[in-house]
Amino acid sequence: RAAEDVAGEYAYERPGFFSDAKLTNKVSTMAA
């Protein structure tokens, strides 16, 4: 979910998908 999908405050600190539980290695992309 992106900021444009939220009517109020966007509360996500680390948006995206990761390969590790510490959310340090992002594997998602915003490219088409």
PDB file of all heavy atoms in Angstrom:
ATOM      1  N   ARG A   1       0.830  -1.199   0.000  1.00  0.00           N
ATOM      2  CA  ARG A   1       0.000   0.000   0.000  1.00  0.00           C
ATOM      3  C   ARG A   1       0.872   1.261   0.000  1.00  0.00           C
ATOM      4  O   ARG A   1       1.832   1.371   0.760  1.00  0.00           O
ATOM      5  CB  ARG A   1      -0.914   0.016   1.213  1.00  0.00           C
ATOM      6  CG  ARG A   1      -2.039   1.038   1.113  1.00  0.00           C
ATOM      7  CD  ARG A   1      -3.086   0.799   2.171  1.00  0.00           C
ATOM      8  NE  ARG A   1      -4.206   1.707   1.998  1.00  0.00           N
ATOM      9  CZ  ARG A   1      -5.286   1.699   2.776  1.00  0.00           C
ATOM     10  NH1 ARG A   1      -5.375   0.831   3.771  1.00  0.00           N
ATOM     11  NH2 ARG A   1      -6.265   2.544   2.556  1.00  0.00           N
ATOM     12  N   ALA A   2       0.510   2.223  -0.865  1.00  0.00           N
ATOM     13  CA  ALA A   2       1.289   3.455  -1.010  1.00  0.00           C
ATOM     14  C   ALA A   2       0.578   4.621  -0.330  1.00  0.00           C
ATOM     15  O   ALA A   2      -0.598   4.536   0.037  1.00  0.00           O
ATOM     16  CB  ALA A   2       1.495   3.770  -2.493  1.00  0.00           C
ATOM     17  N   ALA A   3       1.305   5.719  -0.190  1.00  0.00           N
ATOM     18  CA  ALA A   3       0.733   6.896   0.475  1.00  0.00           C
ATOM     19  C   ALA A   3      -0.501   7.405  -0.245  1.00  0.00           C
ATOM     20  O   ALA A   3      -1.430   7.931   0.374  1.00  0.00           O
ATOM     21  CB  ALA A   3       1.786   7.995   0.572  1.00  0.00           C
ATOM     22  N   GLU A   4      -0.543   7.256  -1.568  1.00  0.00           N
ATOM     23  CA  GLU A   4      -1.684   7.733  -2.345  1.00  0.00           C
ATOM     24  C   GLU A   4      -2.947   6.922  -2.071  1.00  0.00           C
ATOM     25  O   GLU A   4      -4.049   7.345  -2.430  1.00  0.00           O
ATOM     26  CB  GLU A   4      -1.357   7.679  -3.836  1.00  0.00           C
ATOM     27  CG  GLU A   4      -0.335   8.694  -4.302  1.00  0.00           C
ATOM     28  CD  GLU A   4       1.091   8.295  -3.963  1.00  0.00           C
ATOM     29  OE1 GLU A   4       1.306   7.145  -3.505  1.00  0.00           O
ATOM     30  OE2 GLU A   4       1.991   9.121  -4.163  1.00  0.00           O
ATOM     31  N   ASP A   5      -2.800   5.760  -1.425  1.00  0.00           N
ATOM     32  CA  ASP A   5      -3.945   4.892  -1.140  1.00  0.00           C
ATOM     33  C   ASP A   5      -4.542   5.152   0.232  1.00  0.00           C
ATOM     34  O   ASP A   5      -5.475   4.472   0.644  1.00  0.00           O
ATOM     35  CB  ASP A   5      -3.518   3.415  -1.207  1.00  0.00           C
ATOM     36  CG  ASP A   5      -2.767   3.077  -2.482  1.00  0.00           C
ATOM     37  OD1 ASP A   5      -2.989   3.765  -3.492  1.00  0.00           O
ATOM     38  OD2 ASP A   5      -1.962   2.128  -2.460  1.00  0.00           O
ATOM     39  N   VAL A   6      -3.990   6.116   0.966  1.00  0.00           N
ATOM     40  CA  VAL A   6      -4.411   6.370   2.344  1.00  0.00           C
ATOM     41  C   VAL A   6      -4.967   7.787   2.443  1.00  0.00           C
ATOM     42  O   VAL A   6      -4.314   8.744   2.024  1.00  0.00           O
ATOM     43  CB  VAL A   6      -3.223   6.207   3.323  1.00  0.00           C
ATOM     44  CG1 VAL A   6      -3.683   6.483   4.755  1.00  0.00           C
ATOM     45  CG2 VAL A   6      -2.630   4.818   3.209  1.00  0.00           C
ATOM     46  N   ALA A   7      -6.180   7.912   2.976  1.00  0.00           N
ATOM     47  CA  ALA A   7      -6.800   9.231   3.080  1.00  0.00           C
ATOM     48  C   ALA A   7      -6.164  10.078   4.176  1.00  0.00           C
ATOM     49  O   ALA A   7      -6.046  11.285   4.051  1.00  0.00           O
ATOM     50  CB  ALA A   7      -8.298   9.075   3.342  1.00  0.00           C
ATOM     51  N   GLY A   8      -5.713   9.437   5.264  1.00  0.00           N
ATOM     52  CA  GLY A   8      -5.109  10.174   6.368  1.00  0.00           C
ATOM     53  C   GLY A   8      -3.593  10.067   6.365  1.00  0.00           C
ATOM     54  O   GLY A   8      -2.941  10.026   5.314  1.00  0.00           O
ATOM     55  N   GLU A   9      -3.017   9.968   7.567  1.00  0.00           N
ATOM     56  CA  GLU A   9      -1.567   9.882   7.707  1.00  0.00           C
ATOM     57  C   GLU A   9      -1.063   8.521   7.240  1.00  0.00           C
ATOM     58  O   GLU A   9      -1.663   7.483   7.518  1.00  0.00           O
ATOM     59  CB  GLU A   9      -1.175  10.102   9.165  1.00  0.00           C
ATOM     60  CG  GLU A   9       0.312  10.025   9.431  1.00  0.00           C
ATOM     61  CD  GLU A   9       0.652  10.183  10.891  1.00  0.00           C
ATOM     62  OE1 GLU A   9      -0.295  10.379  11.695  1.00  0.00           O
ATOM     63  OE2 GLU A   9       1.849  10.093  11.243  1.00  0.00           O
ATOM     64  N   TYR A  10       0.036   8.521   6.521  1.00  0.00           N
ATOM     65  CA  TYR A  10       0.658   7.273   6.057  1.00  0.00           C
ATOM     66  C   TYR A  10       1.604   6.791   7.159  1.00  0.00           C
ATOM     67  O   TYR A  10       2.654   7.385   7.401  1.00  0.00           O
ATOM     68  CB  TYR A  10       1.421   7.526   4.758  1.00  0.00           C
ATOM     69  CG  TYR A  10       1.946   6.275   4.085  1.00  0.00           C
ATOM     70  CD1 TYR A  10       1.064   5.356   3.521  1.00  0.00           C
ATOM     71  CD2 TYR A  10       3.310   6.018   4.011  1.00  0.00           C
ATOM     72  CE1 TYR A  10       1.530   4.218   2.883  1.00  0.00           C
ATOM     73  CE2 TYR A  10       3.791   4.883   3.383  1.00  0.00           C
ATOM     74  CZ  TYR A  10       2.894   3.989   2.820  1.00  0.00           C
ATOM     75  OH  TYR A  10       3.357   2.852   2.184  1.00  0.00           O
ATOM     76  N   ALA A  11       1.226   5.698   7.841  1.00  0.00           N
ATOM     77  CA  ALA A  11       1.920   5.281   9.058  1.00  0.00           C
ATOM     78  C   ALA A  11       2.957   4.185   8.843  1.00  0.00           C
ATOM     79  O   ALA A  11       3.474   3.631   9.806  1.00  0.00           O
ATOM     80  CB  ALA A  11       0.892   4.820  10.091  1.00  0.00           C
ATOM     81  N   TYR A  12       3.237   3.847   7.599  1.00  0.00           N
ATOM     82  CA  TYR A  12       4.186   2.762   7.331  1.00  0.00           C
ATOM     83  C   TYR A  12       5.621   3.293   7.375  1.00  0.00           C
ATOM     84  O   TYR A  12       5.997   4.171   6.592  1.00  0.00           O
ATOM     85  CB  TYR A  12       3.897   2.125   5.978  1.00  0.00           C
ATOM     86  CG  TYR A  12       2.535   1.456   5.925  1.00  0.00           C
ATOM     87  CD1 TYR A  12       1.409   2.160   5.463  1.00  0.00           C
ATOM     88  CD2 TYR A  12       2.366   0.150   6.345  1.00  0.00           C
ATOM     89  CE1 TYR A  12       0.169   1.554   5.422  1.00  0.00           C
ATOM     90  CE2 TYR A  12       1.125  -0.470   6.307  1.00  0.00           C
ATOM     91  CZ  TYR A  12       0.033   0.241   5.857  1.00  0.00           C
ATOM     92  OH  TYR A  12      -1.199  -0.364   5.821  1.00  0.00           O
ATOM     93  N   GLU A  13       6.438   2.722   8.263  1.00  0.00           N
ATOM     94  CA  GLU A  13       7.814   3.188   8.406  1.00  0.00           C
ATOM     95  C   GLU A  13       8.725   2.628   7.317  1.00  0.00           C
ATOM     96  O   GLU A  13       9.620   3.328   6.831  1.00  0.00           O
ATOM     97  CB  GLU A  13       8.356   2.786   9.787  1.00  0.00           C
ATOM     98  CG  GLU A  13       7.632   3.461  10.944  1.00  0.00           C
ATOM     99  CD  GLU A  13       8.209   3.043  12.289  1.00  0.00           C
ATOM    100  OE1 GLU A  13       9.213   2.289  12.308  1.00  0.00           O
ATOM    101  OE2 GLU A  13       7.666   3.470  13.316  1.00  0.00           O
ATOM    102  N   ARG A  14       8.526   1.346   6.941  1.00  0.00           N
ATOM    103  CA  ARG A  14       9.394   0.703   5.955  1.00  0.00           C
ATOM    104  C   ARG A  14       8.531   0.013   4.899  1.00  0.00           C
ATOM    105  O   ARG A  14       8.350  -1.198   4.931  1.00  0.00           O
ATOM    106  CB  ARG A  14      10.322  -0.317   6.620  1.00  0.00           C
ATOM    107  CG  ARG A  14      11.244   0.291   7.663  1.00  0.00           C
ATOM    108  CD  ARG A  14      12.221  -0.729   8.186  1.00  0.00           C
ATOM    109  NE  ARG A  14      13.013  -0.196   9.279  1.00  0.00           N
ATOM    110  CZ  ARG A  14      13.970  -0.876   9.921  1.00  0.00           C
ATOM    111  NH1 ARG A  14      14.242  -2.118   9.547  1.00  0.00           N
ATOM    112  NH2 ARG A  14      14.637  -0.329  10.920  1.00  0.00           N
ATOM    113  N   PRO A  15       7.943   0.787   4.019  1.00  0.00           N
ATOM    114  CA  PRO A  15       7.099   0.159   2.988  1.00  0.00           C
ATOM    115  C   PRO A  15       7.920  -0.727   2.064  1.00  0.00           C
ATOM    116  O   PRO A  15       9.080  -0.432   1.771  1.00  0.00           O
ATOM    117  CB  PRO A  15       6.502   1.359   2.245  1.00  0.00           C
ATOM    118  CG  PRO A  15       7.453   2.483   2.505  1.00  0.00           C
ATOM    119  CD  PRO A  15       8.028   2.248   3.859  1.00  0.00           C
ATOM    120  N   GLY A  16       7.289  -1.805   1.607  1.00  0.00           N
ATOM    121  CA  GLY A  16       7.949  -2.684   0.658  1.00  0.00           C
ATOM    122  C   GLY A  16       8.062  -4.103   1.179  1.00  0.00           C
ATOM    123  O   GLY A  16       7.618  -4.435   2.282  1.00  0.00           O
ATOM    124  N   PHE A  17       8.673  -4.963   0.357  1.00  0.00           N
ATOM    125  CA  PHE A  17       8.862  -6.376   0.678  1.00  0.00           C
ATOM    126  C   PHE A  17      10.359  -6.651   0.816  1.00  0.00           C
ATOM    127  O   PHE A  17      11.174  -6.137   0.043  1.00  0.00           O
ATOM    128  CB  PHE A  17       8.260  -7.257  -0.421  1.00  0.00           C
ATOM    129  CG  PHE A  17       6.767  -7.053  -0.599  1.00  0.00           C
ATOM    130  CD1 PHE A  17       6.285  -6.092  -1.489  1.00  0.00           C
ATOM    131  CD2 PHE A  17       5.857  -7.821   0.103  1.00  0.00           C
ATOM    132  CE1 PHE A  17       4.918  -5.909  -1.663  1.00  0.00           C
ATOM    133  CE2 PHE A  17       4.492  -7.638  -0.064  1.00  0.00           C
ATOM    134  CZ  PHE A  17       4.020  -6.681  -0.948  1.00  0.00           C
ATOM    135  N   PHE A  18      10.704  -7.499   1.797  1.00  0.00           N
ATOM    136  CA  PHE A  18      12.106  -7.761   2.112  1.00  0.00           C
ATOM    137  C   PHE A  18      12.352  -9.269   2.166  1.00  0.00           C
ATOM    138  O   PHE A  18      11.426 -10.064   2.350  1.00  0.00           O
ATOM    139  CB  PHE A  18      12.464  -7.118   3.457  1.00  0.00           C
ATOM    140  CG  PHE A  18      12.279  -5.624   3.476  1.00  0.00           C
ATOM    141  CD1 PHE A  18      11.016  -5.059   3.659  1.00  0.00           C
ATOM    142  CD2 PHE A  18      13.359  -4.776   3.294  1.00  0.00           C
ATOM    143  CE1 PHE A  18      10.841  -3.682   3.669  1.00  0.00           C
ATOM    144  CE2 PHE A  18      13.193  -3.397   3.308  1.00  0.00           C
ATOM    145  CZ  PHE A  18      11.930  -2.845   3.490  1.00  0.00           C
ATOM    146  N   SER A  19      13.637  -9.632   2.061  1.00  0.00           N
ATOM    147  CA  SER A  19      14.000 -11.041   2.141  1.00  0.00           C
ATOM    148  C   SER A  19      14.407 -11.447   3.547  1.00  0.00           C
ATOM    149  O   SER A  19      14.659 -12.643   3.799  1.00  0.00           O
ATOM    150  CB  SER A  19      15.160 -11.340   1.173  1.00  0.00           C
ATOM    151  OG  SER A  19      16.331 -10.610   1.545  1.00  0.00           O
ATOM    152  N   ASP A  20      14.465 -10.498   4.474  1.00  0.00           N
ATOM    153  CA  ASP A  20      14.869 -10.808   5.840  1.00  0.00           C
ATOM    154  C   ASP A  20      13.925 -10.159   6.825  1.00  0.00           C
ATOM    155  O   ASP A  20      13.274  -9.143   6.533  1.00  0.00           O
ATOM    156  CB  ASP A  20      16.294 -10.316   6.105  1.00  0.00           C
ATOM    157  CG  ASP A  20      16.410  -8.812   6.001  1.00  0.00           C
ATOM    158  OD1 ASP A  20      15.993  -8.248   4.956  1.00  0.00           O
ATOM    159  OD2 ASP A  20      16.872  -8.180   6.969  1.00  0.00           O
ATOM    160  N   ALA A  21      13.865 -10.756   8.030  1.00  0.00           N
ATOM    161  CA  ALA A  21      12.917 -10.306   9.035  1.00  0.00           C
ATOM    162  C   ALA A  21      13.281  -8.960   9.623  1.00  0.00           C
ATOM    163  O   ALA A  21      12.431  -8.295  10.230  1.00  0.00           O
ATOM    164  CB  ALA A  21      12.811 -11.355  10.140  1.00  0.00           C
ATOM    165  N   LYS A  22      14.522  -8.520   9.488  1.00  0.00           N
ATOM    166  CA  LYS A  22      14.915  -7.207   9.991  1.00  0.00           C
ATOM    167  C   LYS A  22      14.616  -6.092   8.996  1.00  0.00           C
ATOM    168  O   LYS A  22      14.883  -4.924   9.260  1.00  0.00           O
ATOM    169  CB  LYS A  22      16.404  -7.225  10.337  1.00  0.00           C
ATOM    170  CG  LYS A  22      16.741  -8.090  11.530  1.00  0.00           C
ATOM    171  CD  LYS A  22      18.205  -7.927  11.924  1.00  0.00           C
ATOM    172  CE  LYS A  22      18.519  -8.743  13.159  1.00  0.00           C
ATOM    173  NZ  LYS A  22      19.938  -8.568  13.593  1.00  0.00           N
ATOM    174  N   LEU A  23      14.085  -6.457   7.858  1.00  0.00           N
ATOM    175  CA  LEU A  23      13.669  -5.508   6.821  1.00  0.00           C
ATOM    176  C   LEU A  23      14.841  -4.624   6.373  1.00  0.00           C
ATOM    177  O   LEU A  23      14.730  -3.406   6.281  1.00  0.00           O
ATOM    178  CB  LEU A  23      12.506  -4.633   7.309  1.00  0.00           C
ATOM    179  CG  LEU A  23      11.274  -5.355   7.866  1.00  0.00           C
ATOM    180  CD1 LEU A  23      10.167  -4.355   8.178  1.00  0.00           C
ATOM    181  CD2 LEU A  23      10.772  -6.442   6.945  1.00  0.00           C
ATOM    182  N   THR A  24      15.942  -5.294   6.090  1.00  0.00           N
ATOM    183  CA  THR A  24      17.121  -4.560   5.613  1.00  0.00           C
ATOM    184  C   THR A  24      17.400  -4.809   4.135  1.00  0.00           C
ATOM    185  O   THR A  24      18.031  -3.979   3.480  1.00  0.00           O
ATOM    186  CB  THR A  24      18.364  -4.957   6.431  1.00  0.00           C
ATOM    187  OG1 THR A  24      18.579  -6.381   6.317  1.00  0.00           O
ATOM    188  CG2 THR A  24      18.193  -4.573   7.888  1.00  0.00           C
ATOM    189  N   ASN A  25      16.932  -5.930   3.623  1.00  0.00           N
ATOM    190  CA  ASN A  25      17.241  -6.291   2.228  1.00  0.00           C
ATOM    191  C   ASN A  25      15.951  -6.252   1.404  1.00  0.00           C
ATOM    192  O   ASN A  25      15.204  -7.233   1.340  1.00  0.00           O
ATOM    193  CB  ASN A  25      17.878  -7.678   2.156  1.00  0.00           C
ATOM    194  CG  ASN A  25      18.307  -8.031   0.737  1.00  0.00           C
ATOM    195  OD1 ASN A  25      18.596  -7.154  -0.080  1.00  0.00           O
ATOM    196  ND2 ASN A  25      18.329  -9.322   0.443  1.00  0.00           N
ATOM    197  N   LYS A  26      15.673  -5.087   0.825  1.00  0.00           N
ATOM    198  CA  LYS A  26      14.429  -4.940   0.061  1.00  0.00           C
ATOM    199  C   LYS A  26      14.530  -5.688  -1.263  1.00  0.00           C
ATOM    200  O   LYS A  26      15.523  -5.573  -1.990  1.00  0.00           O
ATOM    201  CB  LYS A  26      14.133  -3.467  -0.195  1.00  0.00           C
ATOM    202  CG  LYS A  26      12.805  -3.218  -0.922  1.00  0.00           C
ATOM    203  CD  LYS A  26      12.534  -1.745  -1.175  1.00  0.00           C
ATOM    204  CE  LYS A  26      12.152  -1.050   0.098  1.00  0.00           C
ATOM    205  NZ  LYS A  26      11.709   0.349  -0.161  1.00  0.00           N
ATOM    206  N   VAL A  27      13.498  -6.457  -1.573  1.00  0.00           N
ATOM    207  CA  VAL A  27      13.468  -7.210  -2.834  1.00  0.00           C
ATOM    208  C   VAL A  27      12.360  -6.704  -3.758  1.00  0.00           C
ATOM    209  O   VAL A  27      12.258  -7.155  -4.902  1.00  0.00           O
ATOM    210  CB  VAL A  27      13.285  -8.717  -2.564  1.00  0.00           C
ATOM    211  CG1 VAL A  27      14.518  -9.288  -1.857  1.00  0.00           C
ATOM    212  CG2 VAL A  27      12.022  -8.979  -1.741  1.00  0.00           C
ATOM    213  N   SER A  28      11.540  -5.781  -3.266  1.00  0.00           N
ATOM    214  CA  SER A  28      10.474  -5.239  -4.116  1.00  0.00           C
ATOM    215  C   SER A  28      11.006  -4.074  -4.926  1.00  0.00           C
ATOM    216  O   SER A  28      12.053  -3.492  -4.640  1.00  0.00           O
ATOM    217  CB  SER A  28       9.288  -4.795  -3.251  1.00  0.00           C
ATOM    218  OG  SER A  28       9.703  -3.838  -2.289  1.00  0.00           O
ATOM    219  N   THR A  29      10.258  -3.721  -5.956  1.00  0.00           N
ATOM    220  CA  THR A  29      10.636  -2.614  -6.819  1.00  0.00           C
ATOM    221  C   THR A  29       9.409  -1.776  -7.141  1.00  0.00           C
ATOM    222  O   THR A  29       8.273  -2.276  -7.115  1.00  0.00           O
ATOM    223  CB  THR A  29      11.257  -3.128  -8.127  1.00  0.00           C
ATOM    224  OG1 THR A  29      11.560  -2.005  -8.971  1.00  0.00           O
ATOM    225  CG2 THR A  29      10.306  -4.051  -8.879  1.00  0.00           C
ATOM    226  N   MET A  30       9.634  -0.493  -7.442  1.00  0.00           N
ATOM    227  CA  MET A  30       8.550   0.380  -7.890  1.00  0.00           C
ATOM    228  C   MET A  30       8.579   0.575  -9.398  1.00  0.00           C
ATOM    229  O   MET A  30       7.784   1.332  -9.948  1.00  0.00           O
ATOM    230  CB  MET A  30       8.643   1.738  -7.187  1.00  0.00           C
ATOM    231  CG  MET A  30       8.426   1.651  -5.691  1.00  0.00           C
ATOM    232  SD  MET A  30       8.538   3.258  -4.847  1.00  0.00           S
ATOM    233  CE  MET A  30       7.048   4.048  -5.458  1.00  0.00           C
ATOM    234  N   ALA A  31       9.508  -0.105 -10.047  1.00  0.00           N
ATOM    235  CA  ALA A  31       9.591  -0.012 -11.507  1.00  0.00           C
ATOM    236  C   ALA A  31       8.453  -0.787 -12.150  1.00  0.00           C
ATOM    237  O   ALA A  31       7.971  -1.788 -11.609  1.00  0.00           O
ATOM    238  CB  ALA A  31      10.933  -0.556 -11.986  1.00  0.00           C
ATOM    239  N   ALA A  32       7.997  -0.297 -13.292  1.00  0.00           N
ATOM    240  CA  ALA A  32       6.936  -0.982 -14.019  1.00  0.00           C
ATOM    241  C   ALA A  32       7.417  -2.354 -14.467  1.00  0.00           C
ATOM    242  O   ALA A  32       8.584  -2.545 -14.815  1.00  0.00           O
ATOM    243  CB  ALA A  32       6.506  -0.160 -15.215  1.00  0.00           C
TER     244      ALA A  32
END
